[in-house]
């Protein structure tokens, strides 16, 4: 079991609200199709990325998860340590919902958002590692002539030229001074393996709309910065999510650094 999941599952409070609904989009071209929603009684929302592997196709079968409605959210969270894509996706959504509920109970104040690249505070000559092919960020870094190594699962994207490399080999992160990792790595159990290669990195940023886990757990595992979204108006968010509209003021974007998180 991933120690990240182990920490979250063993430290979850016992007085959590049950699951009110699990929302999965059934229209693949809908902008909302990328994200699933675990909704707790009382309005807490946990987001999760559903375009992992075959999860989106699998979750079109509502019978896989309908029995969890009305049950303890910790039951659903246990799926995070299973092997099927749909299980990992829904388990991660449940863990995010638990974490967001705990942060609400603490009266947590989300910090203002920083741009993903601003979070890394890239200095001239530093090599950036990126896990996942973020095309707009890659274009920006290449325009700035920043040395860049991208770790990708898709072999057809592999290439190398000058100070730019796309590779399937995560050990290349050992050459990087700053690293940007997608939140999908939390869902598919690859985060901790990736971090073993980041011993040179001065900053390691984990960014995604579905990075809603308790910050202290991520920081304990070597992440130095987190960028994510939290739902602040669940009713408005669900209206916008269901219609495929932009989430706008129903969510807040935030960034945190380990040095100022309390």
Protein backbone atom coordinates (compact mmCIF):
# COMPACT_ATOMS: atom_id res chain seq x y z
CA UNK A 1 0.00 0.00 0.00
CA UNK A 2 1.23 3.50 -0.81
CA UNK A 3 2.28 5.20 2.42
CA UNK A 4 0.44 8.34 1.29
CA UNK A 5 -2.83 6.42 1.20
CA UNK A 6 -1.96 4.59 4.37
CA UNK A 7 -1.49 7.87 6.24
CA UNK A 8 -4.74 9.31 4.94
CA UNK A 9 -6.80 6.21 5.61
CA UNK A 10 -5.46 5.64 9.12
CA UNK A 11 -5.78 9.26 10.22
CA UNK A 12 -9.26 9.97 8.82
CA UNK A 13 -11.69 11.10 11.56
CA UNK A 14 -14.53 8.77 12.48
CA UNK A 15 -17.31 11.40 12.41
CA UNK A 16 -17.24 12.04 8.66
CA UNK A 17 -20.51 12.72 6.79
CA UNK A 18 -21.66 9.91 4.47
CA UNK A 19 -21.58 10.04 0.69
CA UNK A 20 -24.51 11.95 -0.79
CA UNK A 21 -23.72 11.36 -4.45
CA UNK A 22 -21.04 10.35 -6.94
CA UNK A 23 -21.18 12.38 -10.13
CA UNK A 24 -19.70 11.03 -13.36
CA UNK A 25 -20.24 12.75 -16.72
CA UNK A 26 -21.63 10.48 -19.45
CA UNK A 27 -20.86 12.79 -22.39
CA UNK A 28 -17.24 12.37 -23.44
CA UNK A 29 -17.09 15.73 -25.24
CA UNK A 30 -18.47 17.61 -22.25
CA UNK A 31 -15.71 19.72 -20.57
CA UNK A 32 -16.79 18.17 -17.26
CA UNK A 33 -15.95 14.67 -18.51
CA UNK A 34 -12.37 14.95 -17.22
CA UNK A 35 -13.44 15.23 -13.60
CA UNK A 36 -15.62 13.13 -11.33
CA UNK A 37 -17.13 14.38 -8.10
CA UNK A 38 -17.58 12.71 -4.72
CA UNK A 39 -20.18 14.74 -2.81
CA UNK A 40 -20.67 14.34 0.94
CA UNK A 41 -23.77 15.18 2.94
CA UNK A 42 -23.44 18.83 3.91
CA UNK A 43 -21.84 19.87 0.62
CA UNK A 44 -18.15 18.93 0.82
CA UNK A 45 -16.80 18.07 -2.63
CA UNK A 46 -13.85 15.86 -3.57
CA UNK A 47 -12.64 16.14 -7.17
CA UNK A 48 -10.91 13.39 -9.11
CA UNK A 49 -9.48 13.03 -12.61
CA UNK A 50 -11.38 10.32 -14.48
CA UNK A 51 -9.48 10.17 -17.77
CA UNK A 52 -6.92 7.83 -16.21
CA UNK A 53 -6.51 4.67 -18.27
CA UNK A 54 -9.94 3.12 -18.87
CA UNK A 55 -11.61 4.73 -15.85
CA UNK A 56 -13.97 6.98 -17.83
CA UNK A 57 -15.32 4.06 -19.86
CA UNK A 58 -15.58 1.81 -16.79
CA UNK A 59 -17.45 4.44 -14.76
CA UNK A 60 -20.22 4.65 -17.34
CA UNK A 61 -21.47 1.55 -15.51
CA UNK A 62 -23.12 3.13 -12.46
CA UNK A 63 -23.59 -0.25 -10.78
CA UNK A 64 -19.86 -0.23 -9.98
CA UNK A 65 -20.32 2.56 -7.44
CA UNK A 66 -24.04 3.07 -6.76
CA UNK A 67 -23.90 0.90 -3.60
CA UNK A 68 -21.54 3.42 -1.99
CA UNK A 69 -24.19 6.16 -1.94
CA UNK A 70 -25.29 6.75 1.67
CA UNK A 71 -22.33 4.78 3.00
CA UNK A 72 -19.20 5.91 4.84
CA UNK A 73 -16.80 7.84 2.63
CA UNK A 74 -13.94 5.83 4.14
CA UNK A 75 -15.40 2.71 2.48
CA UNK A 76 -15.04 4.37 -0.92
CA UNK A 77 -11.59 5.70 0.00
CA UNK A 78 -10.38 2.12 0.46
CA UNK A 79 -10.63 1.70 -3.32
CA UNK A 80 -7.63 4.01 -3.71
CA UNK A 81 -5.28 1.11 -2.97
CA UNK A 82 -6.88 -1.24 -5.50
CA UNK A 83 -5.60 -1.93 -9.01
CA UNK A 84 -8.40 -1.11 -11.44
CA UNK A 85 -8.45 2.38 -12.93
CA UNK A 86 -12.01 3.18 -11.84
CA UNK A 87 -11.22 2.11 -8.27
CA UNK A 88 -8.16 4.33 -8.04
CA UNK A 89 -10.08 7.27 -9.48
CA UNK A 90 -13.04 7.04 -7.10
CA UNK A 91 -10.82 6.20 -4.14
CA UNK A 92 -8.79 9.34 -4.80
CA UNK A 93 -11.99 11.40 -5.02
CA UNK A 94 -13.08 10.05 -1.65
CA UNK A 95 -9.70 10.86 -0.08
CA UNK A 96 -9.94 14.38 -1.48
CA UNK A 97 -13.44 14.75 -0.03
CA UNK A 98 -12.21 13.59 3.38
CA UNK A 99 -9.28 16.00 3.23
CA UNK A 100 -11.45 18.93 2.16
CA UNK A 101 -13.89 18.20 4.99
CA UNK A 102 -11.04 18.15 7.52
CA UNK A 103 -9.64 21.43 6.18
CA UNK A 104 -13.09 23.04 6.47
CA UNK A 105 -13.36 21.87 10.06
CA UNK A 106 -9.99 23.48 10.76
CA UNK A 107 -11.18 26.76 9.26
CA UNK A 108 -8.37 26.52 6.76
CA UNK A 109 -7.63 29.66 4.73
CA UNK A 110 -6.54 28.93 1.16
CA UNK A 111 -3.63 31.02 -0.06
CA UNK A 112 -3.72 32.97 -3.30
CA UNK A 113 -2.90 31.13 -6.49
CA UNK A 114 0.49 31.32 -8.12
CA UNK A 115 1.12 30.39 -11.73
CA UNK A 116 2.53 26.86 -12.04
CA UNK A 117 5.88 28.10 -13.28
CA UNK A 118 5.99 30.94 -10.74
CA UNK A 119 5.69 28.30 -8.03
CA UNK A 120 9.00 26.82 -9.15
CA UNK A 121 10.88 30.14 -9.07
CA UNK A 122 13.03 29.05 -12.02
CA UNK A 123 16.45 30.68 -12.19
CA UNK A 124 18.65 31.06 -15.33
CA UNK A 125 20.43 27.84 -16.24
CA UNK A 126 18.27 25.58 -14.06
CA UNK A 127 16.87 22.44 -15.67
CA UNK A 128 13.16 21.84 -15.16
CA UNK A 129 11.64 18.37 -14.97
CA UNK A 130 8.00 17.93 -15.92
CA UNK A 131 5.95 14.77 -15.36
CA UNK A 132 3.22 14.80 -17.98
CA UNK A 133 3.15 16.61 -21.31
CA UNK A 134 1.72 20.07 -20.49
CA UNK A 135 1.88 21.58 -23.99
CA UNK A 136 1.29 25.27 -23.05
CA UNK A 137 3.90 25.15 -20.26
CA UNK A 138 6.38 23.35 -22.51
CA UNK A 139 5.93 26.03 -25.17
CA UNK A 140 6.49 28.75 -22.59
CA UNK A 141 9.64 27.15 -21.18
CA UNK A 142 11.10 26.49 -24.63
CA UNK A 143 10.45 30.07 -25.64
CA UNK A 144 12.40 31.11 -22.54
CA UNK A 145 15.14 28.64 -23.54
CA UNK A 146 14.86 26.86 -20.20
CA UNK A 147 16.49 23.40 -20.21
CA UNK A 148 13.60 20.94 -19.94
CA UNK A 149 13.11 17.21 -19.38
CA UNK A 150 9.59 15.84 -19.79
CA UNK A 151 8.64 12.39 -18.45
CA UNK A 152 5.87 10.83 -20.51
CA UNK A 153 4.20 7.41 -20.74
CA UNK A 154 3.45 7.81 -24.46
CA UNK A 155 6.47 6.52 -26.36
CA UNK A 156 5.38 8.30 -29.55
CA UNK A 157 6.22 11.65 -27.91
CA UNK A 158 9.82 10.72 -27.13
CA UNK A 159 12.31 13.18 -28.65
CA UNK A 160 15.56 14.97 -27.87
CA UNK A 161 17.05 18.20 -29.19
CA UNK A 162 19.38 20.77 -27.66
CA UNK A 163 18.13 21.43 -24.11
CA UNK A 164 14.73 19.76 -24.62
CA UNK A 165 14.02 16.08 -24.01
CA UNK A 166 10.87 13.95 -23.78
CA UNK A 167 11.58 10.52 -22.31
CA UNK A 168 9.81 7.57 -20.71
CA UNK A 169 12.67 7.21 -18.20
CA UNK A 170 11.77 8.80 -14.81
CA UNK A 171 15.37 8.49 -13.59
CA UNK A 172 16.15 11.52 -15.78
CA UNK A 173 14.49 13.63 -13.07
CA UNK A 174 17.73 13.22 -11.12
CA UNK A 175 19.26 15.81 -13.48
CA UNK A 176 16.61 18.45 -12.72
CA UNK A 177 16.81 21.44 -10.38
CA UNK A 178 13.05 22.08 -10.26
CA UNK A 179 10.26 19.54 -10.90
CA UNK A 180 6.57 19.91 -11.79
CA UNK A 181 4.38 16.81 -11.30
CA UNK A 182 0.76 16.25 -12.30
CA UNK A 183 -1.75 15.15 -9.67
CA UNK A 184 -2.53 12.04 -11.74
CA UNK A 185 0.60 10.55 -10.19
CA UNK A 186 -1.21 10.50 -6.83
CA UNK A 187 -4.15 8.59 -8.28
CA UNK A 188 -2.15 5.93 -10.16
CA UNK A 189 0.35 5.26 -7.33
CA UNK A 190 3.41 6.58 -9.21
CA UNK A 191 4.14 9.68 -7.10
CA UNK A 192 6.38 8.08 -4.51
CA UNK A 193 8.44 6.31 -7.17
CA UNK A 194 8.91 9.60 -9.03
CA UNK A 195 10.04 11.37 -5.87
CA UNK A 196 12.92 8.92 -5.41
CA UNK A 197 14.51 10.48 -8.51
CA UNK A 198 14.08 14.09 -7.37
CA UNK A 199 16.89 14.22 -4.79
CA UNK A 200 18.62 17.10 -6.62
CA UNK A 201 15.49 19.23 -6.98
CA UNK A 202 15.24 22.33 -4.80
CA UNK A 203 11.52 22.67 -5.53
CA UNK A 204 8.97 19.93 -6.31
CA UNK A 205 5.52 21.23 -7.22
CA UNK A 206 2.44 18.99 -7.41
CA UNK A 207 -0.32 20.63 -9.44
CA UNK A 208 -3.81 19.58 -10.53
CA UNK A 209 -7.47 20.37 -9.95
CA UNK A 210 -7.70 16.97 -8.26
CA UNK A 211 -4.87 17.59 -5.76
CA UNK A 212 -7.12 18.07 -2.73
CA UNK A 213 -5.32 15.91 -0.20
CA UNK A 214 -4.21 17.10 3.22
CA UNK A 215 -1.16 19.29 2.51
CA UNK A 216 0.89 18.02 5.45
CA UNK A 217 0.81 14.46 4.08
CA UNK A 218 2.15 15.58 0.70
CA UNK A 219 4.79 17.79 2.29
CA UNK A 220 5.99 14.90 4.45
CA UNK A 221 6.73 12.97 1.27
CA UNK A 222 9.00 15.63 -0.21
CA UNK A 223 6.62 17.90 -2.13
CA UNK A 224 7.58 21.53 -1.52
CA UNK A 225 4.67 23.28 -3.28
CA UNK A 226 1.07 22.39 -4.07
CA UNK A 227 -1.27 23.96 -6.61
CA UNK A 228 -4.91 22.91 -6.76
CA UNK A 229 -8.57 23.86 -6.60
CA UNK A 230 -11.13 23.67 -3.82
CA UNK A 231 -14.90 23.91 -4.23
CA UNK A 232 -16.21 26.83 -2.16
CA UNK A 233 -19.83 26.82 -3.38
CA UNK A 234 -20.95 23.23 -3.93
CA UNK A 235 -24.45 24.07 -5.25
CA UNK A 236 -23.14 26.49 -7.88
CA UNK A 237 -20.26 24.17 -8.71
CA UNK A 238 -22.58 21.22 -9.41
CA UNK A 239 -24.81 23.40 -11.60
CA UNK A 240 -21.82 24.46 -13.65
CA UNK A 241 -20.26 20.98 -13.68
CA UNK A 242 -23.46 19.33 -14.92
CA UNK A 243 -23.93 21.89 -17.70
CA UNK A 244 -20.29 21.80 -18.76
CA UNK A 245 -19.76 25.47 -17.93
CA UNK A 246 -16.58 26.92 -16.49
CA UNK A 247 -16.50 26.60 -12.71
CA UNK A 248 -15.51 30.24 -12.14
CA UNK A 249 -16.38 31.58 -8.69
CA UNK A 250 -17.67 28.21 -7.45
CA UNK A 251 -14.06 27.16 -6.85
CA UNK A 252 -10.89 28.76 -5.61
CA UNK A 253 -7.46 28.13 -7.05
CA UNK A 254 -4.75 27.97 -4.45
CA UNK A 255 -1.05 27.35 -3.99
CA UNK A 256 0.78 26.39 -0.83
CA UNK A 257 4.43 26.02 0.08
CA UNK A 258 5.69 23.74 2.80
CA UNK A 259 7.55 26.56 4.51
CA UNK A 260 4.42 28.60 5.27
CA UNK A 261 1.75 25.91 5.72
CA UNK A 262 0.39 25.61 9.26
